[in-house]
């Protein structure tokens, strides 16, 4: 189903992109410390996963064809949740 994204959709997607960028910068900064990586490696991986999720959600919010945008998501759990809506 095609529909033009509204100005609010565009703003929401842009804010999600900004939040993702901040999260990535934080993760990259923390990953520069071997001590932090050794102690919190799993948490850093979770930061990366959350960043990916935010990016996928932003793409769906801004998409003209949301079902197609959902279909292109590579994360199975997120795709399944959004496909059910």
PDB file of N, CA and C in Angstrom:
ATOM      1  N   UNK A   1       0.844  -1.176   0.000  1.00  0.00           N
ATOM      2  CA  UNK A   1       0.000   0.000   0.000  1.00  0.00           C
ATOM      3  C   UNK A   1       0.890   1.240   0.000  1.00  0.00           C
ATOM      4  N   UNK A   2       0.790   2.023  -1.032  1.00  0.00           N
ATOM      5  CA  UNK A   2       1.591   3.233  -1.145  1.00  0.00           C
ATOM      6  C   UNK A   2       0.870   4.410  -0.517  1.00  0.00           C
ATOM      7  N   UNK A   3       1.617   5.216   0.159  1.00  0.00           N
ATOM      8  CA  UNK A   3       1.093   6.447   0.729  1.00  0.00           C
ATOM      9  C   UNK A   3       2.252   7.390   0.931  1.00  0.00           C
ATOM     10  N   UNK A   4       1.999   8.643   0.735  1.00  0.00           N
ATOM     11  CA  UNK A   4       3.064   9.624   0.907  1.00  0.00           C
ATOM     12  C   UNK A   4       3.319   9.838   2.393  1.00  0.00           C
ATOM     13  N   UNK A   5       4.573   9.810   2.808  1.00  0.00           N
ATOM     14  CA  UNK A   5       4.879  10.106   4.213  1.00  0.00           C
ATOM     15  C   UNK A   5       4.475  11.550   4.532  1.00  0.00           C
ATOM     16  N   UNK A   6       3.904  11.720   5.689  1.00  0.00           N
ATOM     17  CA  UNK A   6       3.499  13.059   6.130  1.00  0.00           C
ATOM     18  C   UNK A   6       4.726  13.828   6.630  1.00  0.00           C
ATOM     19  N   UNK A   7       4.585  15.135   6.785  1.00  0.00           N
ATOM     20  CA  UNK A   7       5.698  15.886   7.388  1.00  0.00           C
ATOM     21  C   UNK A   7       6.068  15.339   8.771  1.00  0.00           C
ATOM     22  N   UNK A   8       5.069  14.899   9.533  1.00  0.00           N
ATOM     23  CA  UNK A   8       5.370  14.312  10.849  1.00  0.00           C
ATOM     24  C   UNK A   8       6.158  13.022  10.686  1.00  0.00           C
ATOM     25  N   UNK A   9       5.790  12.190   9.717  1.00  0.00           N
ATOM     26  CA  UNK A   9       6.557  10.965   9.462  1.00  0.00           C
ATOM     27  C   UNK A   9       8.017  11.302   9.165  1.00  0.00           C
ATOM     28  N   UNK A  10       8.241  12.296   8.331  1.00  0.00           N
ATOM     29  CA  UNK A  10       9.604  12.690   7.961  1.00  0.00           C
ATOM     30  C   UNK A  10      10.381  13.189   9.182  1.00  0.00           C
ATOM     31  N   UNK A  11       9.712  13.996  10.021  1.00  0.00           N
ATOM     32  CA  UNK A  11      10.379  14.501  11.235  1.00  0.00           C
ATOM     33  C   UNK A  11      10.689  13.373  12.210  1.00  0.00           C
ATOM     34  N   UNK A  12       9.741  12.464  12.381  1.00  0.00           N
ATOM     35  CA  UNK A  12       9.978  11.324  13.277  1.00  0.00           C
ATOM     36  C   UNK A  12      11.139  10.474  12.781  1.00  0.00           C
ATOM     37  N   UNK A  13      11.166  10.200  11.485  1.00  0.00           N
ATOM     38  CA  UNK A  13      12.260   9.406  10.923  1.00  0.00           C
ATOM     39  C   UNK A  13      13.603  10.116  11.106  1.00  0.00           C
ATOM     40  N   UNK A  14      13.607  11.429  10.909  1.00  0.00           N
ATOM     41  CA  UNK A  14      14.854  12.191  11.083  1.00  0.00           C
ATOM     42  C   UNK A  14      15.320  12.144  12.538  1.00  0.00           C
ATOM     43  N   UNK A  15      14.392  12.249  13.473  1.00  0.00           N
ATOM     44  CA  UNK A  15      14.771  12.177  14.891  1.00  0.00           C
ATOM     45  C   UNK A  15      15.271  10.779  15.257  1.00  0.00           C
ATOM     46  N   UNK A  16      14.650   9.752  14.699  1.00  0.00           N
ATOM     47  CA  UNK A  16      15.136   8.392  14.932  1.00  0.00           C
ATOM     48  C   UNK A  16      16.537   8.213  14.355  1.00  0.00           C
ATOM     49  N   UNK A  17      16.768   8.764  13.166  1.00  0.00           N
ATOM     50  CA  UNK A  17      18.110   8.707  12.579  1.00  0.00           C
ATOM     51  C   UNK A  17      19.131   9.413  13.472  1.00  0.00           C
ATOM     52  N   UNK A  18      18.750  10.557  14.005  1.00  0.00           N
ATOM     53  CA  UNK A  18      19.657  11.308  14.884  1.00  0.00           C
ATOM     54  C   UNK A  18      19.958  10.505  16.154  1.00  0.00           C
ATOM     55  N   UNK A  19      18.921   9.913  16.746  1.00  0.00           N
ATOM     56  CA  UNK A  19      19.120   9.094  17.946  1.00  0.00           C
ATOM     57  C   UNK A  19      20.032   7.912  17.634  1.00  0.00           C
ATOM     58  N   UNK A  20      19.820   7.291  16.473  1.00  0.00           N
ATOM     59  CA  UNK A  20      20.683   6.177  16.062  1.00  0.00           C
ATOM     60  C   UNK A  20      22.128   6.631  15.914  1.00  0.00           C
ATOM     61  N   UNK A  21      22.331   7.789  15.295  1.00  0.00           N
ATOM     62  CA  UNK A  21      23.692   8.303  15.120  1.00  0.00           C
ATOM     63  C   UNK A  21      24.376   8.554  16.457  1.00  0.00           C
ATOM     64  N   UNK A  22      23.644   9.125  17.412  1.00  0.00           N
ATOM     65  CA  UNK A  22      24.208   9.361  18.745  1.00  0.00           C
ATOM     66  C   UNK A  22      24.568   8.047  19.430  1.00  0.00           C
ATOM     67  N   UNK A  23      23.696   7.068  19.288  1.00  0.00           N
ATOM     68  CA  UNK A  23      23.935   5.755  19.889  1.00  0.00           C
ATOM     69  C   UNK A  23      25.178   5.104  19.279  1.00  0.00           C
ATOM     70  N   UNK A  24      25.307   5.203  17.968  1.00  0.00           N
ATOM     71  CA  UNK A  24      26.478   4.632  17.297  1.00  0.00           C
ATOM     72  C   UNK A  24      27.758   5.333  17.750  1.00  0.00           C
ATOM     73  N   UNK A  25      27.714   6.656  17.838  1.00  0.00           N
ATOM     74  CA  UNK A  25      28.898   7.389  18.299  1.00  0.00           C
ATOM     75  C   UNK A  25      29.276   6.975  19.712  1.00  0.00           C
ATOM     76  N   UNK A  26      28.277   6.810  20.585  1.00  0.00           N
ATOM     77  CA  UNK A  26      28.549   6.384  21.949  1.00  0.00           C
ATOM     78  C   UNK A  26      29.183   4.994  21.953  1.00  0.00           C
ATOM     79  N   UNK A  27      28.596   4.067  21.192  1.00  0.00           N
ATOM     80  CA  UNK A  27      29.134   2.709  21.125  1.00  0.00           C
ATOM     81  C   UNK A  27      30.549   2.680  20.588  1.00  0.00           C
ATOM     82  N   UNK A  28      30.802   3.474  19.539  1.00  0.00           N
ATOM     83  CA  UNK A  28      32.150   3.538  18.973  1.00  0.00           C
ATOM     84  C   UNK A  28      33.152   4.083  19.990  1.00  0.00           C
ATOM     85  N   UNK A  29      32.754   5.099  20.718  1.00  0.00           N
ATOM     86  CA  UNK A  29      33.637   5.688  21.732  1.00  0.00           C
ATOM     87  C   UNK A  29      33.949   4.667  22.824  1.00  0.00           C
ATOM     88  N   UNK A  30      32.923   3.970  23.299  1.00  0.00           N
ATOM     89  CA  UNK A  30      33.135   2.973  24.352  1.00  0.00           C
ATOM     90  C   UNK A  30      33.975   1.810  23.846  1.00  0.00           C
ATOM     91  N   UNK A  31      33.797   1.436  22.582  1.00  0.00           N
ATOM     92  CA  UNK A  31      34.522   0.300  22.020  1.00  0.00           C
ATOM     93  C   UNK A  31      36.008   0.593  21.830  1.00  0.00           C
ATOM     94  N   UNK A  32      36.413   1.834  21.973  1.00  0.00           N
ATOM     95  CA  UNK A  32      37.830   2.172  21.856  1.00  0.00           C
ATOM     96  C   UNK A  32      38.623   1.776  23.094  1.00  0.00           C
ATOM     97  N   UNK A  33      37.924   1.461  24.161  1.00  0.00           N
ATOM     98  CA  UNK A  33      38.595   1.068  25.401  1.00  0.00           C
ATOM     99  C   UNK A  33      38.590  -0.455  25.531  1.00  0.00           C
ATOM    100  N   UNK A  34      39.756  -1.078  25.481  1.00  0.00           N
ATOM    101  CA  UNK A  34      39.809  -2.538  25.627  1.00  0.00           C
ATOM    102  C   UNK A  34      39.211  -3.022  26.954  1.00  0.00           C
ATOM    103  N   UNK A  35      39.368  -2.215  27.997  1.00  0.00           N
ATOM    104  CA  UNK A  35      38.817  -2.603  29.293  1.00  0.00           C
ATOM    105  C   UNK A  35      37.292  -2.643  29.257  1.00  0.00           C
ATOM    106  N   UNK A  36      36.692  -1.643  28.632  1.00  0.00           N
ATOM    107  CA  UNK A  36      35.232  -1.600  28.547  1.00  0.00           C
ATOM    108  C   UNK A  36      34.724  -2.732  27.663  1.00  0.00           C
ATOM    109  N   UNK A  37      35.406  -2.991  26.564  1.00  0.00           N
ATOM    110  CA  UNK A  37      35.002  -4.077  25.672  1.00  0.00           C
ATOM    111  C   UNK A  37      35.077  -5.412  26.401  1.00  0.00           C
ATOM    112  N   UNK A  38      36.158  -5.611  27.154  1.00  0.00           N
ATOM    113  CA  UNK A  38      36.325  -6.868  27.885  1.00  0.00           C
ATOM    114  C   UNK A  38      35.241  -7.045  28.942  1.00  0.00           C
ATOM    115  N   UNK A  39      34.893  -5.969  29.607  1.00  0.00           N
ATOM    116  CA  UNK A  39      33.925  -6.044  30.712  1.00  0.00           C
ATOM    117  C   UNK A  39      32.474  -5.976  30.233  1.00  0.00           C
ATOM    118  N   UNK A  40      32.227  -5.268  29.130  1.00  0.00           N
ATOM    119  CA  UNK A  40      30.844  -4.987  28.711  1.00  0.00           C
ATOM    120  C   UNK A  40      30.599  -5.284  27.231  1.00  0.00           C
ATOM    121  N   UNK A  41      31.279  -6.285  26.709  1.00  0.00           N
ATOM    122  CA  UNK A  41      31.152  -6.619  25.292  1.00  0.00           C
ATOM    123  C   UNK A  41      29.728  -6.927  24.862  1.00  0.00           C
ATOM    124  N   UNK A  42      29.007  -7.677  25.672  1.00  0.00           N
ATOM    125  CA  UNK A  42      27.618  -8.016  25.330  1.00  0.00           C
ATOM    126  C   UNK A  42      26.739  -6.766  25.301  1.00  0.00           C
ATOM    127  N   UNK A  43      26.953  -5.862  26.242  1.00  0.00           N
ATOM    128  CA  UNK A  43      26.177  -4.622  26.271  1.00  0.00           C
ATOM    129  C   UNK A  43      26.482  -3.774  25.039  1.00  0.00           C
ATOM    130  N   UNK A  44      27.731  -3.757  24.607  1.00  0.00           N
ATOM    131  CA  UNK A  44      28.090  -3.009  23.402  1.00  0.00           C
ATOM    132  C   UNK A  44      27.434  -3.619  22.167  1.00  0.00           C
ATOM    133  N   UNK A  45      27.323  -4.927  22.136  1.00  0.00           N
ATOM    134  CA  UNK A  45      26.614  -5.573  21.026  1.00  0.00           C
ATOM    135  C   UNK A  45      25.141  -5.190  21.045  1.00  0.00           C
ATOM    136  N   UNK A  46      24.559  -5.086  22.242  1.00  0.00           N
ATOM    137  CA  UNK A  46      23.157  -4.677  22.355  1.00  0.00           C
ATOM    138  C   UNK A  46      22.964  -3.248  21.854  1.00  0.00           C
ATOM    139  N   UNK A  47      23.929  -2.383  22.125  1.00  0.00           N
ATOM    140  CA  UNK A  47      23.871  -1.008  21.620  1.00  0.00           C
ATOM    141  C   UNK A  47      23.833  -1.029  20.090  1.00  0.00           C
ATOM    142  N   UNK A  48      24.648  -1.864  19.495  1.00  0.00           N
ATOM    143  CA  UNK A  48      24.670  -1.979  18.033  1.00  0.00           C
ATOM    144  C   UNK A  48      23.330  -2.489  17.502  1.00  0.00           C
ATOM    145  N   UNK A  49      22.770  -3.488  18.145  1.00  0.00           N
ATOM    146  CA  UNK A  49      21.489  -4.050  17.718  1.00  0.00           C
ATOM    147  C   UNK A  49      20.379  -3.018  17.825  1.00  0.00           C
ATOM    148  N   UNK A  50      20.358  -2.269  18.918  1.00  0.00           N
ATOM    149  CA  UNK A  50      19.345  -1.222  19.087  1.00  0.00           C
ATOM    150  C   UNK A  50      19.492  -0.163  17.992  1.00  0.00           C
ATOM    151  N   UNK A  51      20.720   0.186  17.667  1.00  0.00           N
ATOM    152  CA  UNK A  51      20.940   1.142  16.577  1.00  0.00           C
ATOM    153  C   UNK A  51      20.384   0.631  15.259  1.00  0.00           C
ATOM    154  N   UNK A  52      20.590  -0.651  14.979  1.00  0.00           N
ATOM    155  CA  UNK A  52      20.041  -1.235  13.762  1.00  0.00           C
ATOM    156  C   UNK A  52      18.512  -1.201  13.767  1.00  0.00           C
ATOM    157  N   UNK A  53      17.930  -1.525  14.911  1.00  0.00           N
ATOM    158  CA  UNK A  53      16.469  -1.515  15.020  1.00  0.00           C
ATOM    159  C   UNK A  53      15.913  -0.113  14.773  1.00  0.00           C
ATOM    160  N   UNK A  54      16.541   0.877  15.386  1.00  0.00           N
ATOM    161  CA  UNK A  54      16.090   2.257  15.208  1.00  0.00           C
ATOM    162  C   UNK A  54      16.174   2.653  13.732  1.00  0.00           C
ATOM    163  N   UNK A  55      17.242   2.260  13.063  1.00  0.00           N
ATOM    164  CA  UNK A  55      17.379   2.563  11.644  1.00  0.00           C
ATOM    165  C   UNK A  55      16.285   1.922  10.802  1.00  0.00           C
ATOM    166  N   UNK A  56      15.981   0.664  11.085  1.00  0.00           N
ATOM    167  CA  UNK A  56      14.909  -0.017  10.353  1.00  0.00           C
ATOM    168  C   UNK A  56      13.555   0.661  10.594  1.00  0.00           C
ATOM    169  N   UNK A  57      13.290   1.006  11.842  1.00  0.00           N
ATOM    170  CA  UNK A  57      12.019   1.651  12.167  1.00  0.00           C
ATOM    171  C   UNK A  57      11.917   3.000  11.463  1.00  0.00           C
ATOM    172  N   UNK A  58      13.005   3.751  11.441  1.00  0.00           N
ATOM    173  CA  UNK A  58      13.005   5.040  10.738  1.00  0.00           C
ATOM    174  C   UNK A  58      12.698   4.842   9.260  1.00  0.00           C
ATOM    175  N   UNK A  59      13.269   3.813   8.663  1.00  0.00           N
ATOM    176  CA  UNK A  59      13.009   3.544   7.248  1.00  0.00           C
ATOM    177  C   UNK A  59      11.538   3.215   6.998  1.00  0.00           C
ATOM    178  N   UNK A  60      10.918   2.482   7.903  1.00  0.00           N
ATOM    179  CA  UNK A  60       9.494   2.153   7.757  1.00  0.00           C
ATOM    180  C   UNK A  60       8.646   3.417   7.910  1.00  0.00           C
ATOM    181  N   UNK A  61       8.974   4.242   8.889  1.00  0.00           N
ATOM    182  CA  UNK A  61       8.202   5.465   9.139  1.00  0.00           C
ATOM    183  C   UNK A  61       8.221   6.372   7.916  1.00  0.00           C
ATOM    184  N   UNK A  62       9.359   6.487   7.234  1.00  0.00           N
ATOM    185  CA  UNK A  62       9.469   7.408   6.098  1.00  0.00           C
ATOM    186  C   UNK A  62       9.067   6.781   4.768  1.00  0.00           C
ATOM    187  N   UNK A  63       8.803   5.487   4.745  1.00  0.00           N
ATOM    188  CA  UNK A  63       8.565   4.774   3.490  1.00  0.00           C
ATOM    189  C   UNK A  63       7.227   5.130   2.854  1.00  0.00           C
ATOM    190  N   UNK A  64       7.237   5.184   1.547  1.00  0.00           N
ATOM    191  CA  UNK A  64       5.996   5.323   0.782  1.00  0.00           C
ATOM    192  C   UNK A  64       5.250   3.993   0.823  1.00  0.00           C
ATOM    193  N   UNK A  65       5.980   2.900   0.686  1.00  0.00           N
ATOM    194  CA  UNK A  65       5.407   1.552   0.708  1.00  0.00           C
ATOM    195  C   UNK A  65       5.896   0.854   1.978  1.00  0.00           C
ATOM    196  N   UNK A  66       5.139   1.010   3.053  1.00  0.00           N
ATOM    197  CA  UNK A  66       5.571   0.458   4.339  1.00  0.00           C
ATOM    198  C   UNK A  66       5.687  -1.063   4.343  1.00  0.00           C
ATOM    199  N   UNK A  67       4.732  -1.803   3.759  1.00  0.00           N
ATOM    200  CA  UNK A  67       4.913  -3.265   3.738  1.00  0.00           C
ATOM    201  C   UNK A  67       6.215  -3.686   3.048  1.00  0.00           C
ATOM    202  N   UNK A  68       6.589  -2.993   1.977  1.00  0.00           N
ATOM    203  CA  UNK A  68       7.845  -3.305   1.299  1.00  0.00           C
ATOM    204  C   UNK A  68       9.039  -2.962   2.198  1.00  0.00           C
ATOM    205  N   UNK A  69       8.966  -1.840   2.889  1.00  0.00           N
ATOM    206  CA  UNK A  69      10.047  -1.458   3.805  1.00  0.00           C
ATOM    207  C   UNK A  69      10.194  -2.494   4.919  1.00  0.00           C
ATOM    208  N   UNK A  70       9.089  -3.003   5.409  1.00  0.00           N
ATOM    209  CA  UNK A  70       9.130  -4.039   6.450  1.00  0.00           C
ATOM    210  C   UNK A  70       9.739  -5.318   5.879  1.00  0.00           C
ATOM    211  N   UNK A  71       9.363  -5.653   4.655  1.00  0.00           N
ATOM    212  CA  UNK A  71       9.889  -6.865   4.018  1.00  0.00           C
ATOM    213  C   UNK A  71      11.406  -6.807   3.858  1.00  0.00           C
ATOM    214  N   UNK A  72      11.962  -5.621   3.686  1.00  0.00           N
ATOM    215  CA  UNK A  72      13.409  -5.471   3.495  1.00  0.00           C
ATOM    216  C   UNK A  72      14.198  -5.536   4.809  1.00  0.00           C
ATOM    217  N   UNK A  73      13.519  -5.560   5.948  1.00  0.00           N
ATOM    218  CA  UNK A  73      14.215  -5.642   7.240  1.00  0.00           C
ATOM    219  C   UNK A  73      14.872  -7.007   7.367  1.00  0.00           C
ATOM    220  N   UNK A  74      16.152  -7.003   7.705  1.00  0.00           N
ATOM    221  CA  UNK A  74      16.899  -8.249   7.850  1.00  0.00           C
ATOM    222  C   UNK A  74      16.804  -8.883   9.224  1.00  0.00           C
ATOM    223  N   UNK A  75      16.280  -8.163  10.182  1.00  0.00           N
ATOM    224  CA  UNK A  75      16.162  -8.683  11.549  1.00  0.00           C
ATOM    225  C   UNK A  75      14.822  -9.417  11.672  1.00  0.00           C
ATOM    226  N   UNK A  76      14.893 -10.748  11.775  1.00  0.00           N
ATOM    227  CA  UNK A  76      13.687 -11.572  11.747  1.00  0.00           C
ATOM    228  C   UNK A  76      12.639 -11.225  12.785  1.00  0.00           C
ATOM    229  N   UNK A  77      13.061 -11.022  14.035  1.00  0.00           N
ATOM    230  CA  UNK A  77      12.092 -10.724  15.096  1.00  0.00           C
ATOM    231  C   UNK A  77      11.377  -9.403  14.840  1.00  0.00           C
ATOM    232  N   UNK A  78      12.136  -8.381  14.473  1.00  0.00           N
ATOM    233  CA  UNK A  78      11.535  -7.081  14.226  1.00  0.00           C
ATOM    234  C   UNK A  78      10.610  -7.145  13.018  1.00  0.00           C
ATOM    235  N   UNK A  79      11.055  -7.822  11.958  1.00  0.00           N
ATOM    236  CA  UNK A  79      10.221  -7.970  10.767  1.00  0.00           C
ATOM    237  C   UNK A  79       8.908  -8.660  11.112  1.00  0.00           C
ATOM    238  N   UNK A  80       8.973  -9.722  11.902  1.00  0.00           N
ATOM    239  CA  UNK A  80       7.760 -10.469  12.284  1.00  0.00           C
ATOM    240  C   UNK A  80       6.807  -9.593  13.090  1.00  0.00           C
ATOM    241  N   UNK A  81       7.348  -8.838  14.030  1.00  0.00           N
ATOM    242  CA  UNK A  81       6.497  -7.960  14.850  1.00  0.00           C
ATOM    243  C   UNK A  81       5.812  -6.907  14.002  1.00  0.00           C
ATOM    244  N   UNK A  82       6.567  -6.278  13.093  1.00  0.00           N
ATOM    245  CA  UNK A  82       5.986  -5.215  12.281  1.00  0.00           C
ATOM    246  C   UNK A  82       5.075  -5.766  11.202  1.00  0.00           C
ATOM    247  N   UNK A  83       5.351  -6.949  10.713  1.00  0.00           N
ATOM    248  CA  UNK A  83       4.497  -7.577   9.692  1.00  0.00           C
ATOM    249  C   UNK A  83       3.138  -7.924  10.254  1.00  0.00           C
ATOM    250  N   UNK A  84       3.075  -8.181  11.560  1.00  0.00           N
ATOM    251  CA  UNK A  84       1.809  -8.569  12.190  1.00  0.00           C
ATOM    252  C   UNK A  84       0.861  -7.381  12.355  1.00  0.00           C
ATOM    253  N   UNK A  85       1.365  -6.169  12.182  1.00  0.00           N
ATOM    254  CA  UNK A  85       0.515  -4.977  12.394  1.00  0.00           C
ATOM    255  C   UNK A  85      -0.383  -4.732  11.199  1.00  0.00           C
TER     256      UNK A  85
END
